Protein backbone atom coordinates (compact mmCIF):
# COMPACT_ATOMS: atom_id res chain seq x y z
CA MET A 1 1.15 -2.48 -41.92
CA GLY A 2 -0.03 -2.72 -38.29
CA LYS A 3 2.04 -2.11 -35.19
CA ASN A 4 3.43 -5.07 -33.29
CA ILE A 5 3.18 -5.44 -29.52
CA VAL A 6 6.66 -5.80 -28.02
CA GLY A 7 5.78 -5.49 -24.32
CA ARG A 8 2.89 -5.58 -21.86
CA GLN A 9 2.74 -3.93 -18.44
CA LEU A 10 0.11 -4.81 -15.86
CA ILE A 11 -1.19 -1.68 -14.11
CA HIS A 12 -3.77 -3.32 -11.88
CA VAL A 13 -6.60 -5.84 -11.67
CA ILE A 14 -10.05 -4.84 -10.40
CA HIS A 15 -12.47 -7.40 -9.01
CA HIS A 16 -15.84 -5.86 -9.82
CA ASN A 17 -18.13 -7.40 -7.20
CA LYS A 18 -20.78 -4.74 -6.70
CA CYS A 19 -23.34 -7.53 -6.82
CA LEU A 20 -22.53 -8.14 -3.15
CA TYR A 21 -23.89 -4.81 -1.94
CA ASP A 22 -25.57 -2.92 -4.80
CA PRO A 23 -29.17 -4.09 -5.53
CA LYS A 24 -28.85 -2.84 -9.14
CA TRP A 25 -26.09 -5.43 -9.69
CA PHE A 26 -27.85 -8.35 -7.98
CA LYS A 27 -27.40 -11.60 -9.96
CA LYS A 28 -25.23 -9.85 -12.57
CA GLY A 29 -22.21 -11.78 -11.33
CA ASN A 30 -18.58 -10.91 -10.72
CA LYS A 31 -16.36 -9.30 -13.35
CA ILE A 32 -12.61 -8.90 -13.67
CA LEU A 33 -11.20 -5.70 -15.19
CA ILE A 34 -7.55 -5.91 -16.23
CA ILE A 35 -5.85 -2.58 -16.96
CA GLU A 36 -2.62 -2.92 -18.93
CA ARG A 37 -0.20 -0.80 -20.96
CA LEU A 38 0.86 -2.05 -24.38
CA PHE A 39 4.28 -1.20 -25.85
CA TYR A 40 4.56 -1.14 -29.66
CA ASP A 41 7.57 -1.54 -31.93
CA ASP A 42 7.32 2.07 -33.10
CA GLY A 43 7.98 3.32 -29.55
CA THR A 44 4.37 4.30 -28.74
CA THR A 45 2.27 3.01 -25.84
CA THR A 46 -1.41 2.83 -24.99
CA LYS A 47 -3.53 1.82 -22.00
CA ARG A 48 -6.20 -0.81 -22.46
CA LEU A 49 -9.08 -2.28 -20.48
CA ASN A 50 -9.64 -6.04 -20.75
CA LEU A 51 -12.98 -7.29 -19.46
CA ILE A 52 -13.41 -10.86 -18.20
CA GLU A 53 -17.19 -11.41 -18.15
CA LYS A 54 -17.16 -14.79 -16.40
CA PRO A 55 -13.92 -15.07 -14.43
CA GLU A 56 -12.73 -18.55 -13.56
CA ILE A 57 -10.73 -20.09 -10.74
CA SER A 58 -8.19 -22.83 -11.44
CA TYR A 59 -7.55 -25.24 -8.57
CA TYR A 60 -6.56 -28.85 -7.92
CA THR A 61 -8.04 -31.95 -6.33
CA THR A 62 -6.60 -35.24 -5.06
CA LEU A 63 -9.99 -36.97 -5.04
CA LYS A 64 -8.75 -39.82 -7.26
CA ASN A 65 -5.72 -40.28 -5.00
CA PRO A 66 -7.04 -39.10 -1.61
CA ILE A 67 -4.47 -37.89 0.91
CA GLN A 68 -4.61 -39.16 4.47
CA ARG A 69 -4.50 -35.78 6.20
CA CYS A 70 -4.32 -32.05 5.42
CA GLU A 71 -0.98 -31.08 3.89
CA LEU A 72 0.71 -27.74 3.25
CA SER A 73 1.43 -28.82 -0.31
CA VAL A 74 1.02 -31.79 -2.61
CA GLU A 75 2.95 -32.92 -5.65
CA LEU A 76 1.54 -31.75 -8.96
CA LYS A 77 1.72 -35.24 -10.44
CA ASP A 78 -0.75 -36.47 -7.82
CA CYS A 79 -3.32 -33.75 -8.60
CA GLU A 80 -6.07 -33.23 -11.11
CA LYS A 81 -6.65 -29.68 -12.36
CA GLN A 82 -10.15 -28.22 -12.07
CA VAL A 83 -11.62 -25.01 -13.49
CA SER A 84 -14.80 -23.41 -12.17
CA VAL A 85 -16.62 -20.17 -12.94
CA TYR A 86 -16.17 -18.02 -9.85
CA ASP A 87 -19.89 -17.35 -9.40
CA THR A 88 -20.58 -21.09 -9.04
CA LEU A 89 -17.31 -22.13 -7.38
CA LEU A 90 -18.68 -23.03 -3.95
CA LYS A 91 -21.55 -25.02 -5.41
CA GLU A 92 -19.15 -27.02 -7.59
CA LEU A 93 -16.82 -27.60 -4.65
CA ALA A 94 -19.76 -28.97 -2.68
CA ASN A 95 -20.72 -31.30 -5.54
CA ILE A 96 -17.27 -32.79 -6.16
CA THR A 97 -16.55 -33.31 -2.43
CA ASN A 98 -20.01 -34.62 -1.49
CA GLN A 99 -20.80 -31.64 0.72
CA THR A 100 -24.10 -30.68 -0.96
CA ASP A 101 -26.08 -31.09 2.27
CA PHE A 102 -23.83 -28.58 4.02
CA TYR A 103 -23.99 -26.23 1.02
CA ASN A 104 -27.79 -26.26 1.07
CA GLU A 105 -27.75 -25.69 4.83
CA VAL A 106 -25.70 -22.49 4.48
CA SER A 107 -27.20 -21.19 1.23
CA GLY A 108 -29.15 -18.33 2.81
CA GLU A 109 -28.12 -14.69 3.34
CA GLY A 110 -25.51 -13.94 5.98
CA GLN A 111 -23.94 -17.40 5.66
CA ASN A 112 -20.96 -16.42 3.51
CA ARG A 113 -18.38 -17.05 6.24
CA ARG A 114 -19.78 -20.51 6.94
CA ARG A 115 -19.94 -21.36 3.23
CA LYS A 116 -16.19 -20.81 2.96
CA ALA A 117 -15.70 -23.87 5.16
CA LEU A 118 -16.20 -25.87 1.95
CA HIS A 119 -12.55 -25.04 1.17
CA PHE A 120 -11.40 -26.96 4.27
CA HIS A 121 -11.77 -30.37 2.58
CA LYS A 122 -8.39 -32.12 2.71
CA ASP A 123 -8.45 -33.00 -1.01
CA LEU A 124 -9.02 -29.41 -2.25
CA HIS A 125 -5.94 -27.35 -3.08
CA GLY A 126 -5.69 -23.71 -4.20
CA SER A 127 -9.44 -23.10 -4.38
CA ASP A 128 -9.52 -20.43 -1.67
CA VAL A 129 -7.40 -17.79 -3.46
CA ASN A 130 -8.56 -14.22 -3.95
CA LEU A 131 -10.01 -13.67 -7.42
CA GLY A 132 -8.10 -10.43 -8.04
CA ASP A 133 -4.77 -11.96 -6.99
CA HIS A 134 -5.55 -15.05 -9.05
CA TYR A 135 -5.85 -12.94 -12.21
CA ILE A 136 -2.65 -11.00 -11.50
CA ASP A 137 -0.91 -14.37 -11.40
CA LYS A 138 -2.67 -15.56 -14.57
CA TYR A 139 -1.81 -12.37 -16.45
CA ILE A 140 1.90 -12.59 -15.61
CA GLU A 141 2.06 -16.28 -16.51
CA MET A 142 0.13 -15.85 -19.79
CA THR A 143 2.08 -12.81 -21.09
CA GLY A 144 5.36 -14.68 -20.70
CA PRO A 145 8.36 -12.96 -22.35
CA LEU A 146 6.25 -9.92 -23.29
CA PHE A 147 5.67 -9.07 -19.62
CA LYS A 148 7.58 -5.92 -18.59
CA SER A 149 8.30 -6.03 -14.87
CA ASP A 150 10.71 -3.08 -14.94
CA ALA A 151 8.48 -0.44 -16.58
CA SER A 152 8.04 2.73 -14.52
CA LEU A 153 4.74 4.02 -13.18
CA GLU A 154 3.31 7.41 -14.13
CA CYS A 155 2.20 9.07 -10.90
CA ALA A 156 0.06 12.09 -10.06
CA TYR A 157 -0.33 13.76 -6.67
CA GLY A 158 -3.32 15.64 -5.33
CA ASP A 159 -4.60 17.62 -2.36
CA ILE A 160 -7.87 19.37 -1.55
CA GLU A 161 -8.88 22.20 0.77
CA VAL A 162 -12.38 22.85 2.06
CA ASP A 163 -14.19 26.03 3.07
CA GLY A 164 -14.99 25.23 6.71
CA ILE A 165 -15.70 28.78 7.88
CA GLU A 166 -19.14 27.78 9.21
CA VAL A 167 -18.25 24.26 10.35
CA SER A 168 -17.69 23.71 14.05
CA GLY A 169 -14.59 21.62 14.63
CA PHE A 170 -12.85 19.44 12.05
CA PRO A 171 -14.84 19.00 8.79
CA GLU A 172 -15.52 15.26 8.89
CA PRO A 173 -15.46 13.54 5.45
CA ALA A 174 -18.56 11.48 6.27
CA ASP A 175 -20.61 14.65 6.86
CA ALA A 176 -18.94 16.64 4.06
CA LEU A 177 -20.43 19.90 5.36
CA ALA A 178 -17.63 22.09 3.95
CA PRO A 179 -17.49 22.61 0.17
CA ILE A 180 -14.22 22.09 -1.69
CA ASN A 181 -12.62 25.42 -2.55
CA LEU A 182 -9.17 24.30 -3.84
CA MET A 183 -7.79 21.24 -5.62
CA SER A 184 -4.11 21.08 -6.51
CA TYR A 185 -2.68 18.43 -8.82
CA VAL A 186 0.82 17.58 -10.06
CA TYR A 187 1.45 15.14 -12.92
CA ALA A 188 4.98 13.75 -12.55
CA PRO A 189 5.75 12.97 -16.25
CA THR A 190 5.17 16.63 -17.25
CA LYS A 191 6.01 18.18 -13.82
CA LYS A 192 3.02 20.45 -14.30
CA LEU A 193 1.12 21.91 -11.35
CA ILE A 194 -2.55 22.76 -11.81
CA VAL A 195 -4.40 24.69 -9.09
CA ARG A 196 -8.20 24.68 -9.34
CA ILE A 197 -10.02 27.47 -7.52
CA ASN A 198 -13.72 27.63 -6.70
CA ARG A 199 -14.93 31.23 -7.06
CA GLN A 200 -18.03 30.41 -5.00
CA SER A 201 -17.18 30.72 -1.29
CA VAL A 202 -19.40 30.10 1.73
CA ARG A 203 -19.14 33.78 2.70
CA PRO A 204 -18.38 36.70 0.38
CA ASN A 205 -14.63 36.75 -0.29
CA PRO A 206 -13.47 39.65 -2.51
CA GLN A 207 -9.88 38.38 -2.26
CA ILE A 208 -10.68 35.62 -4.78
CA LYS A 209 -11.47 38.16 -7.52
CA GLU A 210 -8.41 40.22 -6.60
CA PHE A 211 -6.29 37.09 -6.93
CA GLU A 212 -7.80 36.30 -10.33
CA ASP A 213 -7.35 39.87 -11.59
CA ASN A 214 -3.66 39.54 -10.79
CA ASN A 215 -3.43 36.05 -12.31
CA GLU A 216 -0.27 36.49 -14.42
CA GLU A 217 1.74 37.86 -11.53
CA ASN A 218 0.43 35.12 -9.24
CA LEU A 219 1.46 32.43 -11.73
CA LYS A 220 5.04 33.70 -11.67
CA TRP A 221 4.96 34.00 -7.88
CA ILE A 222 3.68 30.42 -7.30
CA PHE A 223 6.08 29.04 -9.95
CA SER A 224 8.99 30.66 -8.11
CA GLU A 225 7.91 29.66 -4.62
CA VAL A 226 7.23 25.95 -5.33
CA ASN A 227 10.75 25.70 -6.79
CA ARG A 228 12.42 27.73 -4.02
CA PRO A 229 13.30 24.73 -1.76
CA THR A 230 15.02 22.88 -4.63
CA LEU A 231 17.14 25.91 -5.55
CA GLU A 232 18.10 26.58 -1.93
CA LYS A 233 19.25 22.99 -1.37
CA ALA A 234 21.26 23.14 -4.60
CA LYS A 235 22.93 26.36 -3.33
CA ILE A 236 21.73 28.18 -6.46
CA ILE A 237 20.06 30.85 -4.32
CA GLU A 238 20.46 31.97 -0.75
CA GLU A 239 17.69 31.55 1.78
CA GLY A 240 15.10 34.34 1.79
CA VAL A 241 15.78 35.93 -1.62
CA ASP A 242 12.86 37.72 -3.31
CA TRP A 243 10.68 35.53 -5.51
CA LYS A 244 11.23 37.81 -8.51
CA GLU A 245 14.93 37.04 -8.40
CA ILE A 246 14.07 33.32 -8.40
CA PHE A 247 11.77 33.77 -11.40
CA ASN A 248 14.49 35.51 -13.40
CA ILE A 249 16.80 32.56 -12.74
CA ILE A 250 14.39 29.77 -13.69
CA LYS A 251 12.13 31.28 -16.34
CA ASP A 252 14.43 30.10 -19.15
CA ASP A 253 16.02 27.08 -17.46
CA LYS A 254 13.50 24.49 -16.29
CA SER A 255 16.19 21.82 -15.81
CA ILE A 256 16.92 23.08 -12.29
CA CYS A 257 13.19 23.09 -11.31
CA ARG A 258 11.05 20.37 -9.78
CA ILE A 259 7.92 22.04 -11.25
CA HIS A 260 8.20 23.08 -14.90
CA GLU A 261 4.84 24.74 -15.40
CA VAL A 262 2.01 26.20 -13.31
CA GLU A 263 -1.59 26.70 -14.38
CA ILE A 264 -4.48 28.20 -12.38
CA ARG A 265 -8.05 27.36 -13.34
CA TYR A 266 -11.13 29.18 -12.00
CA PHE A 267 -14.63 27.69 -11.70
CA GLN A 268 -18.03 29.18 -10.95
CA ASP A 269 -19.04 26.34 -8.63
CA GLU A 270 -17.73 23.30 -6.79
CA LEU A 271 -19.24 20.70 -9.13
CA SER A 272 -17.54 22.20 -12.20
CA LEU A 273 -14.23 22.14 -10.35
CA ILE A 274 -14.54 18.46 -9.40
CA LYS A 275 -15.70 17.47 -12.89
CA ASP A 276 -12.71 19.18 -14.49
CA PHE A 277 -10.32 17.43 -12.09
CA PHE A 278 -11.58 13.95 -12.94
CA PHE A 279 -11.99 14.64 -16.65
CA MET A 280 -8.31 15.51 -16.87
CA LEU A 281 -7.41 12.54 -14.66
CA ASN A 282 -9.44 10.00 -16.63
CA GLU A 283 -9.45 11.27 -20.21
CA GLU A 284 -6.29 13.35 -20.62
CA ASP A 285 -3.42 12.32 -18.33
CA ARG A 286 -4.65 8.89 -17.17
CA PRO A 287 -1.89 8.42 -14.58
CA ASP A 288 -1.18 4.95 -13.26
CA VAL A 289 -1.34 6.19 -9.66
CA MET A 290 -3.25 9.05 -8.03
CA ALA A 291 -1.66 9.63 -4.62
CA PHE A 292 -3.00 11.65 -1.70
CA TRP A 293 -1.46 12.20 1.72
CA ASN A 294 -4.07 10.77 4.10
CA ILE A 295 -6.57 9.74 1.44
CA SER A 296 -9.14 8.97 4.16
CA PHE A 297 -9.92 12.69 4.20
CA ASP A 298 -9.61 13.66 0.53
CA LEU A 299 -11.44 10.89 -1.33
CA PRO A 300 -14.40 10.36 1.06
CA THR A 301 -14.85 14.16 1.15
CA ILE A 302 -14.99 14.26 -2.67
CA ILE A 303 -17.39 11.31 -2.80
CA ASN A 304 -19.75 12.72 -0.19
CA ARG A 305 -19.63 16.26 -1.61
CA LEU A 306 -20.74 14.85 -4.98
CA LYS A 307 -23.64 13.12 -3.25
CA LYS A 308 -24.64 16.40 -1.58
CA LEU A 309 -24.49 18.10 -4.98
CA GLY A 310 -27.03 15.59 -6.29
CA VAL A 311 -24.84 13.46 -8.58
CA GLU A 312 -23.67 9.85 -8.47
CA PRO A 313 -19.95 9.84 -7.53
CA GLU A 314 -19.27 6.98 -9.98
CA ASP A 315 -20.49 9.10 -12.90
CA ILE A 316 -17.81 11.70 -12.18
CA ILE A 317 -14.94 9.69 -10.70
CA CYS A 318 -14.95 6.73 -13.14
CA PRO A 319 -13.83 7.13 -16.80
CA LYS A 320 -16.42 6.88 -19.55
CA ASP A 321 -14.84 3.61 -20.78
CA PHE A 322 -15.96 2.04 -17.49
CA LYS A 323 -19.57 3.27 -17.68
CA ASP A 324 -21.01 -0.25 -17.57
CA PHE A 325 -18.71 -1.28 -14.71
CA GLN A 326 -18.57 1.75 -12.46
CA MET A 327 -17.39 1.23 -8.91
CA CYS A 328 -16.21 3.82 -6.39
CA ASP A 329 -15.77 2.32 -2.95
CA PHE A 330 -13.57 3.51 -0.07
CA GLN A 331 -13.01 1.15 2.87
CA GLU A 332 -11.29 2.73 5.85
CA ASP A 333 -9.35 0.50 8.22
CA THR A 334 -11.00 1.58 11.47
CA PHE A 335 -9.31 -1.18 13.49
CA HIS A 336 -5.87 0.46 13.10
CA GLN A 337 -7.21 3.99 12.89
CA LYS A 338 -4.64 5.49 15.28
CA ASP A 339 -1.59 3.61 13.97
CA PRO A 340 -0.60 4.51 10.38
CA GLN A 341 2.13 1.85 10.50
CA ASP A 342 -0.51 -0.89 10.43
CA LYS A 343 -3.46 0.91 8.87
CA ILE A 344 -4.45 -0.16 5.36
CA ASP A 345 -7.30 1.75 3.72
CA ILE A 346 -8.58 0.27 0.46
CA THR A 347 -9.90 2.27 -2.49
CA ASN A 348 -11.72 0.39 -5.24
CA VAL A 349 -12.30 2.69 -8.20
CA SER A 350 -13.06 1.35 -11.67
CA GLY A 351 -10.63 3.19 -13.88
CA TYR A 352 -7.18 3.35 -15.42
CA THR A 353 -5.73 4.74 -12.18
CA ILE A 354 -4.83 3.23 -8.79
CA TYR A 355 -5.71 5.45 -5.81
CA LEU A 356 -3.11 5.23 -3.04
CA ASP A 357 -2.42 6.83 0.33
CA GLN A 358 1.22 7.96 0.24
CA MET A 359 1.21 8.51 4.01
CA LEU A 360 0.20 4.92 4.85
CA ILE A 361 2.72 3.49 2.40
CA TYR A 362 5.46 5.63 3.91
CA ALA A 363 4.51 4.56 7.46
CA ASN A 364 4.11 0.86 6.65
CA LEU A 365 7.44 0.55 4.86
CA ARG A 366 9.26 2.01 7.87
CA LYS A 367 7.53 -0.09 10.51
CA SER A 368 10.73 -1.99 11.33
CA GLU A 369 12.54 1.28 12.11
CA GLY A 370 10.23 2.00 15.03
CA LYS A 371 7.27 4.31 15.38
CA LYS A 372 7.89 7.93 14.39
CA ASP A 373 6.69 10.89 16.43
CA ALA A 374 4.17 11.79 13.70
CA TYR A 375 3.20 10.95 10.13
CA THR A 376 1.78 14.31 9.14
CA LEU A 377 3.00 15.74 5.85
CA ASP A 378 4.65 18.63 7.68
CA PHE A 379 6.65 16.33 9.98
CA THR A 380 7.64 13.99 7.13
CA LEU A 381 8.81 16.79 4.84
CA LYS A 382 11.00 18.20 7.61
CA GLU A 383 12.55 14.80 8.28
CA GLU A 384 12.99 13.56 4.69
CA LEU A 385 13.39 16.70 2.56
CA LYS A 386 14.31 19.36 5.12
CA GLU A 387 11.33 21.39 3.85
CA GLU A 388 8.58 23.14 5.78
CA LYS A 389 4.98 23.88 4.90
CA ILE A 390 3.73 27.45 4.57
CA SER A 391 3.19 28.80 8.08
CA HIS A 392 0.11 30.74 9.12
CA GLU A 393 -0.95 32.23 12.43
CA MET A 394 -4.71 32.04 11.91
CA SER A 395 -7.13 29.12 11.92
CA ILE A 396 -7.26 27.12 8.69
CA ARG A 397 -10.97 28.05 8.51
CA ASP A 398 -10.14 31.77 8.42
CA PHE A 399 -7.07 31.41 6.23
CA PRO A 400 -8.77 31.81 2.79
CA TYR A 401 -10.66 34.89 4.01
CA GLN A 402 -7.63 36.57 5.56
CA GLU A 403 -4.82 35.79 3.08
CA PHE A 404 -6.24 34.05 0.03
CA ASN A 405 -3.03 34.30 -1.99
CA ARG A 406 -1.00 32.53 0.73
CA PHE A 407 -3.83 30.01 1.11
CA VAL A 408 -3.42 29.04 -2.56
CA LEU A 409 0.35 28.75 -2.14
CA TYR A 410 -0.20 26.71 1.05
CA ASN A 411 -2.18 24.15 -0.95
CA ALA A 412 0.34 24.08 -3.80
CA MET A 413 3.20 23.59 -1.34
CA ASP A 414 1.38 20.56 0.08
CA VAL A 415 1.22 18.68 -3.19
CA CYS A 416 4.53 19.54 -4.93
CA PRO A 417 6.82 18.03 -2.24
CA MET A 418 4.83 14.78 -2.42
CA MET A 419 6.33 14.24 -5.87
CA THR A 420 9.80 15.15 -4.57
CA LEU A 421 9.38 12.71 -1.68
CA GLU A 422 8.54 9.85 -4.04
CA GLU A 423 11.54 10.71 -6.21
CA LYS A 424 13.71 10.31 -3.10
CA THR A 425 12.12 7.22 -1.49
CA SER A 426 10.53 5.34 -4.46
CA ASP A 427 7.94 4.04 -1.96
CA ILE A 428 5.08 3.83 -4.46
CA ASP A 429 7.35 2.17 -7.00
CA LEU A 430 8.43 -0.30 -4.32
CA VAL A 431 4.91 -1.45 -3.40
CA TYR A 432 4.14 -1.78 -7.12
CA ARG A 433 7.19 -4.04 -7.62
CA LEU A 434 6.14 -6.04 -4.56
CA SER A 435 2.67 -6.37 -6.07
CA LEU A 436 4.12 -7.93 -9.21
CA LEU A 437 6.68 -10.02 -7.32
CA THR A 438 4.09 -11.56 -4.98
CA ARG A 439 1.13 -11.45 -7.45
CA THR A 440 -0.95 -9.46 -4.96
CA ARG A 441 -3.35 -6.51 -5.24
CA ILE A 442 -1.35 -3.38 -4.52
CA HIS A 443 -3.58 -2.38 -1.56
CA HIS A 444 -2.86 -5.73 0.13
CA VAL A 445 0.89 -5.93 -0.51
CA LEU A 446 1.64 -4.67 3.00
CA LYS A 447 -0.55 -7.39 4.52
CA LYS A 448 2.14 -10.00 4.99
CA THR A 449 -0.18 -12.98 5.39
CA VAL A 450 -1.80 -12.20 2.03
CA CYS A 451 1.23 -11.46 -0.13
CA LEU A 452 3.36 -14.26 1.36
CA ARG A 453 0.61 -16.76 0.61
CA ASN A 454 0.51 -15.58 -3.01
CA PHE A 455 4.31 -15.58 -3.26
CA ALA A 456 4.46 -19.08 -1.81
CA ASN A 457 1.94 -20.22 -4.41
CA LYS A 458 4.34 -19.33 -7.23
CA PHE A 459 7.34 -20.69 -5.29
CA PHE A 460 5.67 -24.07 -4.85
CA ARG A 461 4.46 -24.16 -8.45
CA ASP A 462 8.00 -23.64 -9.75
CA LYS A 463 8.99 -26.75 -7.78
CA ARG A 464 6.12 -28.80 -9.29
CA LEU A 465 4.14 -28.58 -6.07
CA VAL A 466 0.62 -27.28 -5.40
CA LEU A 467 0.05 -25.04 -2.37
CA SER A 468 -2.99 -26.32 -0.53
CA ASN A 469 -5.84 -24.34 1.02
CA ASN A 470 -5.49 -22.35 4.24
CA ARG A 471 -6.99 -24.42 7.05
CA ASN A 472 -5.36 -22.62 9.99
CA THR A 473 -8.71 -21.97 11.64
CA ASN A 474 -8.88 -25.71 12.31
CA ASN A 475 -5.54 -25.78 14.13
CA GLU A 476 -5.13 -25.46 17.88
CA ARG A 477 -2.47 -23.01 19.03
CA SER A 478 -0.36 -23.09 22.17
CA ASN A 479 -0.35 -20.03 24.43
CA GLU A 480 2.77 -21.14 26.31
CA SER A 481 5.44 -18.44 26.42
CA PHE A 482 9.21 -18.80 26.53
CA LYS A 483 12.31 -16.63 26.55
CA GLY A 484 14.36 -15.94 23.47
CA GLY A 485 14.93 -13.83 20.40
CA PHE A 486 17.88 -12.14 18.72
CA VAL A 487 16.97 -8.95 16.83
CA ALA A 488 19.39 -7.04 14.60
CA ASN A 489 19.06 -3.35 13.76
CA PRO A 490 17.43 -3.10 10.27
CA ASN A 491 18.98 0.34 9.79
CA LEU A 492 22.35 -1.36 9.39
CA LEU A 493 21.31 -2.94 6.09
CA THR A 494 23.13 -1.63 3.03
CA ASN A 495 21.71 -1.35 -0.48
CA PHE A 496 22.56 -4.76 -1.89
CA GLY A 497 19.03 -6.02 -2.65
CA ILE A 498 17.24 -6.29 -5.99
CA LYS A 499 17.06 -3.19 -8.13
CA VAL A 500 13.98 -0.97 -7.87
CA GLY A 501 13.84 1.73 -10.52
CA GLY A 502 17.51 1.13 -11.34
CA THR A 503 18.71 1.49 -7.72
CA ALA A 504 19.63 -1.37 -5.40
CA SER A 505 17.11 -1.74 -2.56
CA ASN A 506 17.79 -2.32 1.13
CA ARG A 507 14.30 -3.74 1.66
CA ILE A 508 13.79 -6.44 -1.00
CA PHE A 509 16.20 -9.35 -1.41
CA ASN A 510 16.19 -12.40 -3.67
CA ASP A 511 17.00 -14.74 -0.78
CA VAL A 512 14.63 -13.27 1.83
CA VAL A 513 10.93 -14.14 1.84
CA ASP A 514 9.77 -11.93 4.70
CA PHE A 515 11.25 -9.28 6.94
CA ASP A 516 8.99 -8.13 9.75
CA GLY A 517 10.70 -6.60 12.77
CA LYS A 518 7.47 -6.50 14.78
CA SER A 519 6.87 -10.23 14.23
CA GLU A 520 10.39 -11.51 14.76
CA TYR A 521 9.41 -14.13 17.36
CA PRO A 522 6.52 -15.78 15.46
CA SER A 523 8.57 -15.66 12.26
CA THR A 524 11.43 -17.49 13.99
CA ILE A 525 9.02 -19.99 15.54
CA ILE A 526 7.56 -20.84 12.13
CA THR A 527 10.89 -20.91 10.29
CA PHE A 528 12.72 -23.17 12.76
CA ASP A 529 9.70 -25.13 14.02
CA VAL A 530 10.36 -24.29 17.67
CA ASP A 531 6.81 -23.91 18.95
CA PRO A 532 6.30 -25.75 22.30
CA SER A 533 3.74 -27.99 20.59
CA ALA A 534 6.52 -29.31 18.30
CA VAL A 535 8.91 -30.27 21.15
CA ARG A 536 9.76 -33.98 21.20
CA ALA A 537 12.57 -33.96 23.78
CA LYS A 538 14.48 -31.58 26.03
CA VAL A 539 18.12 -31.47 27.05
CA SER A 540 18.60 -30.32 30.65
CA TYR A 541 21.78 -29.11 32.34
CA LEU A 542 22.64 -29.47 36.01
CA ASN A 543 24.63 -26.73 37.70
CA LYS A 544 27.13 -27.27 40.51
CA ASP A 545 24.27 -27.34 43.06
CA ASN A 546 22.69 -30.17 41.08
CA HIS A 547 19.78 -27.95 40.03
CA GLU A 548 18.31 -28.02 36.53
CA GLU A 549 19.05 -24.94 34.43
CA ASN A 550 17.19 -23.55 31.39
CA GLY A 551 19.00 -22.73 28.17
CA SER A 552 18.62 -18.96 28.58
CA GLU A 553 20.90 -19.02 31.62
CA ILE A 554 23.90 -19.87 29.45
CA VAL A 555 22.88 -17.61 26.60
CA SER A 556 22.72 -14.46 28.75
CA PRO A 557 26.30 -14.72 30.11
CA LEU A 558 27.60 -15.51 26.63
CA ILE A 559 26.03 -12.35 25.25
CA SER A 560 27.22 -10.21 28.14
CA GLY A 561 30.72 -11.70 28.01
CA ASN A 562 30.55 -12.65 31.69
CA ASP A 563 33.21 -15.39 31.67
CA ASN A 564 33.20 -15.68 35.45
CA LEU A 565 29.49 -16.52 35.54
CA ILE A 566 29.88 -19.10 32.76
CA GLY A 567 32.79 -20.74 34.61
CA CYS A 568 30.87 -20.90 37.87
CA ASN A 569 27.66 -22.30 36.43
CA TRP A 570 28.95 -24.64 33.75
CA LEU A 571 32.56 -25.54 34.57
CA ASN A 572 32.16 -25.82 38.34
CA LEU A 573 34.81 -23.13 38.94
CA PRO A 574 34.80 -20.98 42.11
CA THR A 575 33.35 -17.47 42.18
CA LEU A 576 35.67 -14.53 42.78
CA PRO A 577 34.77 -14.25 46.51
CA GLU A 578 35.36 -17.99 46.90
CA LEU A 579 38.68 -17.69 45.07
CA LEU A 580 39.76 -14.82 47.36
CA ASP A 581 38.83 -16.86 50.44
CA LEU A 582 40.97 -19.75 49.18
CA ILE A 583 43.92 -17.39 48.59
CA ASN A 584 43.58 -15.93 52.07
CA GLU A 585 43.42 -19.40 53.61
CA LYS A 586 46.62 -20.40 51.88
CA GLY A 587 48.24 -17.22 53.17
C-alpha cells in the first residue's frame, strides 16, 4: 500500500531563462522549476523537482466589453480569461489587441523594453506579471488545503577563506586570484560543523601538516571554543576558563551546546575541496537555504575559482538532478553597493537550495530603525549576541602562515554564530513567510513595489476583481513639494503581529499592507490621495491681520502645545506683551 501525501511545502520557484544570454540555450524557451517538499502520512518527507516545460501566463481581457480608460482594477464578471504560452505571450497580445504592426517594428534584438509597451493596452489586465511570481501564486492556489504555510525551513550557513599571501590589496571576487584554503559549513537540523581544509597552500606552510597530525586534539579544542560563548552567557562557565574544562562539561551533554558535532576534512587540492562541499550540499543534506554573510564575496569567488580551475561552475554547484537545466548566475546590485539597507543581490542557482545573503536580509529588515554604524559580521555579533570574533594582530593574508590553528578557529567562529543569530532574529524565516504571503520570489520580497503588487493581485482576486497592468510610466507626476508628515517610532511596536515560527511578530500584521519608514510621505500621499494633482479645492484661513495662513501654521502650535500662539492667530486674542500693556494702561 502506497504512502499518501498529507502536505506540500513550496521551497522556491526558479524561472530558467538562460535562453536570454546563453547561446547554447537559444530558442530552447523558458522553463519553470518548482522545488517542493512532500509530507506523507507515515511521517516521512521528501524534496521533489517539478518541471514545467512550456510555462503559461493566465491573464484577462475586456475586449468584448471595452473600458473607456485605464483602470486600476476591473470586475471579474466583465473579463474574459486568456491563457498564453510565455514564449509567445507578446506576439499573442499583439494579435488580440491589433498591435501587430508595432510588434513587427520592435521584433529585433535590443527591443525588449519597447516590446513590453504591448502590456499598456487599456483592455489587458494581469498580463505583465513576473513568470516566477505567477507560478508561486499558481502553486499555492492549486495545492489548496494540502499547502503547508507554517512548515519550517532547513538552513545551512557557510563561509570561505582565501590564501591571499601573494595578492596585493583585497582579493576581488571577479579576479579570483587567491585560491580557497578553508570552507566552513554548519547544518542547522543536525547542528554539525564541518571545516574543510586545503592542504595545498600558495607558499609552503608546514603548520597545516602539524595541525592535521594533531587532529583529534584540535577537534576537541574547536568543539569547546565554538560552544564557549553559549556556556558563558548561560553562566555555566566563567569567562576565560581553559578549553579542556569546557570539553569535560559538554562531551556527554550536547543539550547545552549550539554545535553538537565537529568534523575536519582535509583535501589535496582546491577543486576537491569545492566538489566535496557542493556534493554534500546537493546530494546529502539538501538544505532549503544556504546562507552566507556578504554573499557577494563568497559565491562569485567560488564561481570564478572554478572557472580558473578549468571546470564549468554549473557542473559543480548544481545538483545532478538539474543537469539538463543548470543555471548559476549571480547578479550584484551595484546601484546600492554602499548601502546594505537597500542593496539586493540576486542569486539564481538551479537546485534544491535557495542562496541568500544573511547580511542584506538583516540590514533590509531594520531599515526603519535607522542606519547602523556598520553591517559587518563582527559589529552585528557584538550588537545582537554580545559575541566577538577571534582577534588577531597580523594581516589576514599572513594569518594562516603565522597561526594556522587560530586561523581555522577564526573561520569556524564566523559561521557558527550565523546560526545562533538566525535562531534569535528569525530573519530568514521571516522573508520566507513574506514570500509565501505576497506570492513573490524570495530575493524580491524586500522590493516593496514588487511584493505589494503581487499581494494586491491576490487581495483583488479575493474580492472578485482583476488587478490591471502597471501603466505608471504613462502617468505624469507632480514635483510640487509641501509640508507635512507625522512619523511614529517603529521601535515602540510590541509583538502583536502574525506568528512567525510560533512567535508573534512586530513586523508583519494582518491589517497592515506596507510599513516603510523611509517612504512615509509617498505612502501617505497614495493612501489618502493628497497629491497636489488631486486637489479640487482649498480652505484658507485669515489671521487677525487679514492675511491668508497655510494649514501647517495651526498644526505646529498644536503639536508644541503653544496655546498662546493658537489664541493669537486663530481666536484674535492679544499676545502676552499686548496683554501686559493693557494691564499697565488700566493701572
